[in-house]
Amino acid sequence: MHPDEIKTIIEAGLECQHVAVSGDGRHFDALVVSDAFEGKRSLARHRMVYAALGDRFDTEVLHALALKTFTEGEWRDAKG
């Protein structure tokens, strides 16, 4: 699977302000910025992204995904 495919799937399943995905075809890193994360803890945010990706982990299309999740305000603050 290509990182752009993962980006498109996440954007289709979750309202996002920004998504960036990199990886080697099986192991990926994703940065997801969404105001839908407001008031949610890290685990809940990750579950939201996994829900957007559907069964792709079950079918081993994706093997590993490291996530960084932010609201738009958190992302703005993190960038400085």
PDB file of N, CA and C in Angstrom:
ATOM      1  N   MET A   1       0.850  -1.174   0.000  1.00  0.00           N
ATOM      2  CA  MET A   1       0.000   0.000   0.000  1.00  0.00           C
ATOM      3  C   MET A   1       0.893   1.233   0.000  1.00  0.00           C
ATOM      4  N   HIS A   2       0.497   2.236  -0.727  1.00  0.00           N
ATOM      5  CA  HIS A   2       1.252   3.483  -0.856  1.00  0.00           C
ATOM      6  C   HIS A   2       0.759   4.497   0.195  1.00  0.00           C
ATOM      7  N   PRO A   3       1.655   5.313   0.740  1.00  0.00           N
ATOM      8  CA  PRO A   3       1.247   6.307   1.747  1.00  0.00           C
ATOM      9  C   PRO A   3       0.101   7.211   1.288  1.00  0.00           C
ATOM     10  N   ASP A   4       0.078   7.571   0.005  1.00  0.00           N
ATOM     11  CA  ASP A   4      -1.004   8.427  -0.494  1.00  0.00           C
ATOM     12  C   ASP A   4      -2.367   7.741  -0.410  1.00  0.00           C
ATOM     13  N   GLU A   5      -2.387   6.412  -0.578  1.00  0.00           N
ATOM     14  CA  GLU A   5      -3.639   5.665  -0.443  1.00  0.00           C
ATOM     15  C   GLU A   5      -4.155   5.747   0.991  1.00  0.00           C
ATOM     16  N   ILE A   6      -3.254   5.595   1.947  1.00  0.00           N
ATOM     17  CA  ILE A   6      -3.638   5.660   3.359  1.00  0.00           C
ATOM     18  C   ILE A   6      -4.157   7.048   3.682  1.00  0.00           C
ATOM     19  N   LYS A   7      -3.475   8.071   3.188  1.00  0.00           N
ATOM     20  CA  LYS A   7      -3.902   9.460   3.399  1.00  0.00           C
ATOM     21  C   LYS A   7      -5.324   9.661   2.880  1.00  0.00           C
ATOM     22  N   THR A   8      -5.579   9.182   1.676  1.00  0.00           N
ATOM     23  CA  THR A   8      -6.909   9.331   1.065  1.00  0.00           C
ATOM     24  C   THR A   8      -7.976   8.611   1.875  1.00  0.00           C
ATOM     25  N   ILE A   9      -7.672   7.420   2.360  1.00  0.00           N
ATOM     26  CA  ILE A   9      -8.636   6.647   3.149  1.00  0.00           C
ATOM     27  C   ILE A   9      -8.947   7.355   4.461  1.00  0.00           C
ATOM     28  N   ILE A  10      -7.921   7.857   5.134  1.00  0.00           N
ATOM     29  CA  ILE A  10      -8.138   8.575   6.399  1.00  0.00           C
ATOM     30  C   ILE A  10      -8.995   9.812   6.154  1.00  0.00           C
ATOM     31  N   GLU A  11      -8.662  10.581   5.113  1.00  0.00           N
ATOM     32  CA  GLU A  11      -9.426  11.799   4.811  1.00  0.00           C
ATOM     33  C   GLU A  11     -10.880  11.496   4.450  1.00  0.00           C
ATOM     34  N   ALA A  12     -11.123  10.352   3.830  1.00  0.00           N
ATOM     35  CA  ALA A  12     -12.491   9.980   3.464  1.00  0.00           C
ATOM     36  C   ALA A  12     -13.308   9.549   4.680  1.00  0.00           C
ATOM     37  N   GLY A  13     -12.633   9.008   5.703  1.00  0.00           N
ATOM     38  CA  GLY A  13     -13.346   8.473   6.853  1.00  0.00           C
ATOM     39  C   GLY A  13     -13.375   9.358   8.073  1.00  0.00           C
ATOM     40  N   LEU A  14     -12.641  10.480   8.023  1.00  0.00           N
ATOM     41  CA  LEU A  14     -12.533  11.344   9.191  1.00  0.00           C
ATOM     42  C   LEU A  14     -12.323  12.774   8.705  1.00  0.00           C
ATOM     43  N   GLU A  15     -13.125  13.700   9.208  1.00  0.00           N
ATOM     44  CA  GLU A  15     -12.955  15.090   8.807  1.00  0.00           C
ATOM     45  C   GLU A  15     -11.633  15.606   9.367  1.00  0.00           C
ATOM     46  N   CYS A  16     -10.705  15.950   8.472  1.00  0.00           N
ATOM     47  CA  CYS A  16      -9.353  16.341   8.876  1.00  0.00           C
ATOM     48  C   CYS A  16      -8.989  17.703   8.293  1.00  0.00           C
ATOM     49  N   GLN A  17      -8.162  18.430   9.028  1.00  0.00           N
ATOM     50  CA  GLN A  17      -7.604  19.662   8.517  1.00  0.00           C
ATOM     51  C   GLN A  17      -6.264  19.391   7.814  1.00  0.00           C
ATOM     52  N   HIS A  18      -5.588  18.321   8.229  1.00  0.00           N
ATOM     53  CA  HIS A  18      -4.294  17.985   7.629  1.00  0.00           C
ATOM     54  C   HIS A  18      -3.992  16.512   7.882  1.00  0.00           C
ATOM     55  N   VAL A  19      -3.470  15.838   6.878  1.00  0.00           N
ATOM     56  CA  VAL A  19      -3.005  14.452   7.010  1.00  0.00           C
ATOM     57  C   VAL A  19      -1.709  14.316   6.228  1.00  0.00           C
ATOM     58  N   ALA A  20      -0.707  13.716   6.847  1.00  0.00           N
ATOM     59  CA  ALA A  20       0.552  13.403   6.170  1.00  0.00           C
ATOM     60  C   ALA A  20       0.923  11.969   6.524  1.00  0.00           C
ATOM     61  N   VAL A  21       1.262  11.185   5.524  1.00  0.00           N
ATOM     62  CA  VAL A  21       1.610   9.777   5.741  1.00  0.00           C
ATOM     63  C   VAL A  21       2.915   9.474   5.006  1.00  0.00           C
ATOM     64  N   SER A  22       3.812   8.773   5.688  1.00  0.00           N
ATOM     65  CA  SER A  22       5.039   8.298   5.055  1.00  0.00           C
ATOM     66  C   SER A  22       5.209   6.834   5.427  1.00  0.00           C
ATOM     67  N   GLY A  23       6.011   6.112   4.651  1.00  0.00           N
ATOM     68  CA  GLY A  23       6.240   4.713   4.981  1.00  0.00           C
ATOM     69  C   GLY A  23       6.871   3.939   3.855  1.00  0.00           C
ATOM     70  N   ASP A  24       7.119   2.656   4.137  1.00  0.00           N
ATOM     71  CA  ASP A  24       7.857   1.801   3.222  1.00  0.00           C
ATOM     72  C   ASP A  24       7.001   0.750   2.514  1.00  0.00           C
ATOM     73  N   GLY A  25       5.702   0.852   2.638  1.00  0.00           N
ATOM     74  CA  GLY A  25       4.820  -0.125   2.000  1.00  0.00           C
ATOM     75  C   GLY A  25       4.116  -1.048   2.982  1.00  0.00           C
ATOM     76  N   ARG A  26       4.684  -1.207   4.187  1.00  0.00           N
ATOM     77  CA  ARG A  26       4.043  -2.005   5.243  1.00  0.00           C
ATOM     78  C   ARG A  26       4.042  -1.278   6.579  1.00  0.00           C
ATOM     79  N   HIS A  27       5.061  -0.499   6.841  1.00  0.00           N
ATOM     80  CA  HIS A  27       5.181   0.252   8.085  1.00  0.00           C
ATOM     81  C   HIS A  27       5.042   1.734   7.752  1.00  0.00           C
ATOM     82  N   PHE A  28       4.137   2.404   8.468  1.00  0.00           N
ATOM     83  CA  PHE A  28       3.818   3.784   8.132  1.00  0.00           C
ATOM     84  C   PHE A  28       3.805   4.674   9.373  1.00  0.00           C
ATOM     85  N   ASP A  29       4.017   5.966   9.120  1.00  0.00           N
ATOM     86  CA  ASP A  29       3.865   7.017  10.125  1.00  0.00           C
ATOM     87  C   ASP A  29       2.818   7.973   9.586  1.00  0.00           C
ATOM     88  N   ALA A  30       1.877   8.368  10.449  1.00  0.00           N
ATOM     89  CA  ALA A  30       0.839   9.295  10.018  1.00  0.00           C
ATOM     90  C   ALA A  30       0.676  10.419  11.031  1.00  0.00           C
ATOM     91  N   LEU A  31       0.539  11.607  10.507  1.00  0.00           N
ATOM     92  CA  LEU A  31       0.198  12.785  11.287  1.00  0.00           C
ATOM     93  C   LEU A  31      -1.215  13.164  10.874  1.00  0.00           C
ATOM     94  N   VAL A  32      -2.127  13.198  11.835  1.00  0.00           N
ATOM     95  CA  VAL A  32      -3.524  13.504  11.538  1.00  0.00           C
ATOM     96  C   VAL A  32      -3.964  14.670  12.417  1.00  0.00           C
ATOM     97  N   VAL A  33      -4.432  15.731  11.762  1.00  0.00           N
ATOM     98  CA  VAL A  33      -4.927  16.912  12.465  1.00  0.00           C
ATOM     99  C   VAL A  33      -6.423  17.009  12.195  1.00  0.00           C
ATOM    100  N   SER A  34      -7.205  16.928  13.276  1.00  0.00           N
ATOM    101  CA  SER A  34      -8.658  16.943  13.126  1.00  0.00           C
ATOM    102  C   SER A  34      -9.298  17.547  14.371  1.00  0.00           C
ATOM    103  N   ASP A  35     -10.216  18.465  14.155  1.00  0.00           N
ATOM    104  CA  ASP A  35     -10.944  19.018  15.297  1.00  0.00           C
ATOM    105  C   ASP A  35     -11.923  18.005  15.883  1.00  0.00           C
ATOM    106  N   ALA A  36     -12.143  16.891  15.186  1.00  0.00           N
ATOM    107  CA  ALA A  36     -12.967  15.807  15.734  1.00  0.00           C
ATOM    108  C   ALA A  36     -12.295  15.186  16.961  1.00  0.00           C
ATOM    109  N   PHE A  37     -10.985  15.419  17.136  1.00  0.00           N
ATOM    110  CA  PHE A  37     -10.249  14.896  18.290  1.00  0.00           C
ATOM    111  C   PHE A  37     -10.448  15.732  19.558  1.00  0.00           C
ATOM    112  N   GLU A  38     -11.085  16.864  19.429  1.00  0.00           N
ATOM    113  CA  GLU A  38     -11.265  17.778  20.566  1.00  0.00           C
ATOM    114  C   GLU A  38     -11.877  17.046  21.757  1.00  0.00           C
ATOM    115  N   GLY A  39     -11.215  17.147  22.909  1.00  0.00           N
ATOM    116  CA  GLY A  39     -11.711  16.564  24.146  1.00  0.00           C
ATOM    117  C   GLY A  39     -11.477  15.063  24.279  1.00  0.00           C
ATOM    118  N   LYS A  40     -10.815  14.476  23.303  1.00  0.00           N
ATOM    119  CA  LYS A  40     -10.583  13.032  23.343  1.00  0.00           C
ATOM    120  C   LYS A  40      -9.131  12.739  23.693  1.00  0.00           C
ATOM    121  N   ARG A  41      -8.929  11.652  24.417  1.00  0.00           N
ATOM    122  CA  ARG A  41      -7.573  11.216  24.768  1.00  0.00           C
ATOM    123  C   ARG A  41      -6.946  10.484  23.586  1.00  0.00           C
ATOM    124  N   SER A  42      -5.656  10.239  23.700  1.00  0.00           N
ATOM    125  CA  SER A  42      -4.883   9.649  22.617  1.00  0.00           C
ATOM    126  C   SER A  42      -5.479   8.334  22.112  1.00  0.00           C
ATOM    127  N   LEU A  43      -5.849   7.438  23.003  1.00  0.00           N
ATOM    128  CA  LEU A  43      -6.387   6.137  22.588  1.00  0.00           C
ATOM    129  C   LEU A  43      -7.661   6.302  21.767  1.00  0.00           C
ATOM    130  N   ALA A  44      -8.542   7.182  22.196  1.00  0.00           N
ATOM    131  CA  ALA A  44      -9.789   7.415  21.457  1.00  0.00           C
ATOM    132  C   ALA A  44      -9.502   8.006  20.079  1.00  0.00           C
ATOM    133  N   ARG A  45      -8.520   8.893  19.994  1.00  0.00           N
ATOM    134  CA  ARG A  45      -8.143   9.486  18.716  1.00  0.00           C
ATOM    135  C   ARG A  45      -7.614   8.406  17.770  1.00  0.00           C
ATOM    136  N   HIS A  46      -6.752   7.546  18.299  1.00  0.00           N
ATOM    137  CA  HIS A  46      -6.192   6.479  17.473  1.00  0.00           C
ATOM    138  C   HIS A  46      -7.289   5.542  16.991  1.00  0.00           C
ATOM    139  N   ARG A  47      -8.239   5.242  17.848  1.00  0.00           N
ATOM    140  CA  ARG A  47      -9.355   4.380  17.441  1.00  0.00           C
ATOM    141  C   ARG A  47     -10.164   5.013  16.316  1.00  0.00           C
ATOM    142  N   MET A  48     -10.307   6.330  16.349  1.00  0.00           N
ATOM    143  CA  MET A  48     -11.023   7.026  15.286  1.00  0.00           C
ATOM    144  C   MET A  48     -10.300   6.865  13.942  1.00  0.00           C
ATOM    145  N   VAL A  49      -8.981   6.980  13.967  1.00  0.00           N
ATOM    146  CA  VAL A  49      -8.204   6.808  12.737  1.00  0.00           C
ATOM    147  C   VAL A  49      -8.286   5.357  12.272  1.00  0.00           C
ATOM    148  N   TYR A  50      -8.143   4.405  13.197  1.00  0.00           N
ATOM    149  CA  TYR A  50      -8.243   2.992  12.834  1.00  0.00           C
ATOM    150  C   TYR A  50      -9.617   2.671  12.252  1.00  0.00           C
ATOM    151  N   ALA A  51     -10.662   3.274  12.794  1.00  0.00           N
ATOM    152  CA  ALA A  51     -12.013   3.059  12.264  1.00  0.00           C
ATOM    153  C   ALA A  51     -12.098   3.553  10.821  1.00  0.00           C
ATOM    154  N   ALA A  52     -11.465   4.682  10.536  1.00  0.00           N
ATOM    155  CA  ALA A  52     -11.462   5.208   9.169  1.00  0.00           C
ATOM    156  C   ALA A  52     -10.748   4.244   8.218  1.00  0.00           C
ATOM    157  N   LEU A  53      -9.733   3.537   8.719  1.00  0.00           N
ATOM    158  CA  LEU A  53      -8.965   2.604   7.892  1.00  0.00           C
ATOM    159  C   LEU A  53      -9.665   1.261   7.717  1.00  0.00           C
ATOM    160  N   GLY A  54     -10.704   1.020   8.497  1.00  0.00           N
ATOM    161  CA  GLY A  54     -11.495  -0.189   8.343  1.00  0.00           C
ATOM    162  C   GLY A  54     -10.715  -1.458   8.647  1.00  0.00           C
ATOM    163  N   ASP A  55     -10.902  -2.483   7.829  1.00  0.00           N
ATOM    164  CA  ASP A  55     -10.324  -3.803   8.091  1.00  0.00           C
ATOM    165  C   ASP A  55      -8.936  -3.989   7.492  1.00  0.00           C
ATOM    166  N   ARG A  56      -8.285  -2.948   7.100  1.00  0.00           N
ATOM    167  CA  ARG A  56      -6.983  -3.083   6.439  1.00  0.00           C
ATOM    168  C   ARG A  56      -5.911  -3.695   7.342  1.00  0.00           C
ATOM    169  N   PHE A  57      -6.043  -3.543   8.661  1.00  0.00           N
ATOM    170  CA  PHE A  57      -5.113  -4.208   9.566  1.00  0.00           C
ATOM    171  C   PHE A  57      -5.439  -5.694   9.659  1.00  0.00           C
ATOM    172  N   ASP A  58      -6.713  -6.024   9.650  1.00  0.00           N
ATOM    173  CA  ASP A  58      -7.134  -7.425   9.740  1.00  0.00           C
ATOM    174  C   ASP A  58      -6.660  -8.233   8.533  1.00  0.00           C
ATOM    175  N   THR A  59      -6.613  -7.595   7.379  1.00  0.00           N
ATOM    176  CA  THR A  59      -6.205  -8.288   6.162  1.00  0.00           C
ATOM    177  C   THR A  59      -4.700  -8.162   5.919  1.00  0.00           C
ATOM    178  N   GLU A  60      -4.003  -7.520   6.834  1.00  0.00           N
ATOM    179  CA  GLU A  60      -2.553  -7.318   6.784  1.00  0.00           C
ATOM    180  C   GLU A  60      -2.090  -6.502   5.588  1.00  0.00           C
ATOM    181  N   VAL A  61      -3.001  -5.715   5.007  1.00  0.00           N
ATOM    182  CA  VAL A  61      -2.590  -4.750   3.999  1.00  0.00           C
ATOM    183  C   VAL A  61      -1.684  -3.725   4.674  1.00  0.00           C
ATOM    184  N   LEU A  62      -2.039  -3.395   5.908  1.00  0.00           N
ATOM    185  CA  LEU A  62      -1.210  -2.531   6.754  1.00  0.00           C
ATOM    186  C   LEU A  62      -0.653  -3.384   7.878  1.00  0.00           C
ATOM    187  N   HIS A  63       0.619  -3.273   8.108  1.00  0.00           N
ATOM    188  CA  HIS A  63       1.228  -4.045   9.190  1.00  0.00           C
ATOM    189  C   HIS A  63       1.426  -3.189  10.434  1.00  0.00           C
ATOM    190  N   ALA A  64       1.877  -1.959  10.265  1.00  0.00           N
ATOM    191  CA  ALA A  64       2.133  -1.089  11.413  1.00  0.00           C
ATOM    192  C   ALA A  64       1.878   0.360  11.022  1.00  0.00           C
ATOM    193  N   LEU A  65       1.266   1.090  11.936  1.00  0.00           N
ATOM    194  CA  LEU A  65       0.979   2.502  11.718  1.00  0.00           C
ATOM    195  C   LEU A  65       1.248   3.257  13.011  1.00  0.00           C
ATOM    196  N   ALA A  66       2.248   4.117  12.985  1.00  0.00           N
ATOM    197  CA  ALA A  66       2.540   4.988  14.124  1.00  0.00           C
ATOM    198  C   ALA A  66       1.782   6.287  13.901  1.00  0.00           C
ATOM    199  N   LEU A  67       1.004   6.695  14.895  1.00  0.00           N
ATOM    200  CA  LEU A  67       0.145   7.866  14.753  1.00  0.00           C
ATOM    201  C   LEU A  67       0.573   9.007  15.661  1.00  0.00           C
ATOM    202  N   LYS A  68       0.467  10.205  15.124  1.00  0.00           N
ATOM    203  CA  LYS A  68       0.523  11.439  15.909  1.00  0.00           C
ATOM    204  C   LYS A  68      -0.771  12.162  15.586  1.00  0.00           C
ATOM    205  N   THR A  69      -1.562  12.453  16.622  1.00  0.00           N
ATOM    206  CA  THR A  69      -2.872  13.065  16.408  1.00  0.00           C
ATOM    207  C   THR A  69      -2.963  14.373  17.176  1.00  0.00           C
ATOM    208  N   PHE A  70      -3.506  15.389  16.513  1.00  0.00           N
ATOM    209  CA  PHE A  70      -3.642  16.716  17.094  1.00  0.00           C
ATOM    210  C   PHE A  70      -4.969  17.336  16.671  1.00  0.00           C
ATOM    211  N   THR A  71      -5.500  18.225  17.510  1.00  0.00           N
ATOM    212  CA  THR A  71      -6.543  19.127  17.038  1.00  0.00           C
ATOM    213  C   THR A  71      -5.811  20.227  16.272  1.00  0.00           C
ATOM    214  N   GLU A  72      -6.544  21.050  15.557  1.00  0.00           N
ATOM    215  CA  GLU A  72      -5.903  22.122  14.803  1.00  0.00           C
ATOM    216  C   GLU A  72      -5.159  23.085  15.734  1.00  0.00           C
ATOM    217  N   GLY A  73      -5.758  23.407  16.877  1.00  0.00           N
ATOM    218  CA  GLY A  73      -5.104  24.294  17.843  1.00  0.00           C
ATOM    219  C   GLY A  73      -3.843  23.678  18.427  1.00  0.00           C
ATOM    220  N   GLU A  74      -3.899  22.388  18.753  1.00  0.00           N
ATOM    221  CA  GLU A  74      -2.712  21.695  19.281  1.00  0.00           C
ATOM    222  C   GLU A  74      -1.591  21.670  18.246  1.00  0.00           C
ATOM    223  N   TRP A  75      -1.953  21.442  16.996  1.00  0.00           N
ATOM    224  CA  TRP A  75      -0.965  21.386  15.925  1.00  0.00           C
ATOM    225  C   TRP A  75      -0.316  22.755  15.710  1.00  0.00           C
ATOM    226  N   ARG A  76      -1.121  23.791  15.754  1.00  0.00           N
ATOM    227  CA  ARG A  76      -0.610  25.161  15.608  1.00  0.00           C
ATOM    228  C   ARG A  76       0.383  25.463  16.731  1.00  0.00           C
ATOM    229  N   ASP A  77       0.026  25.075  17.974  1.00  0.00           N
ATOM    230  CA  ASP A  77       0.911  25.285  19.129  1.00  0.00           C
ATOM    231  C   ASP A  77       2.190  24.458  19.009  1.00  0.00           C
ATOM    232  N   ALA A  78       2.076  23.225  18.527  1.00  0.00           N
ATOM    233  CA  ALA A  78       3.239  22.333  18.409  1.00  0.00           C
ATOM    234  C   ALA A  78       4.227  22.845  17.356  1.00  0.00           C
ATOM    235  N   LYS A  79       3.716  23.459  16.320  1.00  0.00           N
ATOM    236  CA  LYS A  79       4.593  23.972  15.275  1.00  0.00           C
ATOM    237  C   LYS A  79       5.322  25.244  15.711  1.00  0.00           C
ATOM    238  N   GLY A  80       4.788  25.874  16.770  1.00  0.00           N
ATOM    239  CA  GLY A  80       5.449  27.071  17.297  1.00  0.00           C
ATOM    240  C   GLY A  80       5.007  28.283  16.641  1.00  0.00           C
TER     241      GLY A  80
END
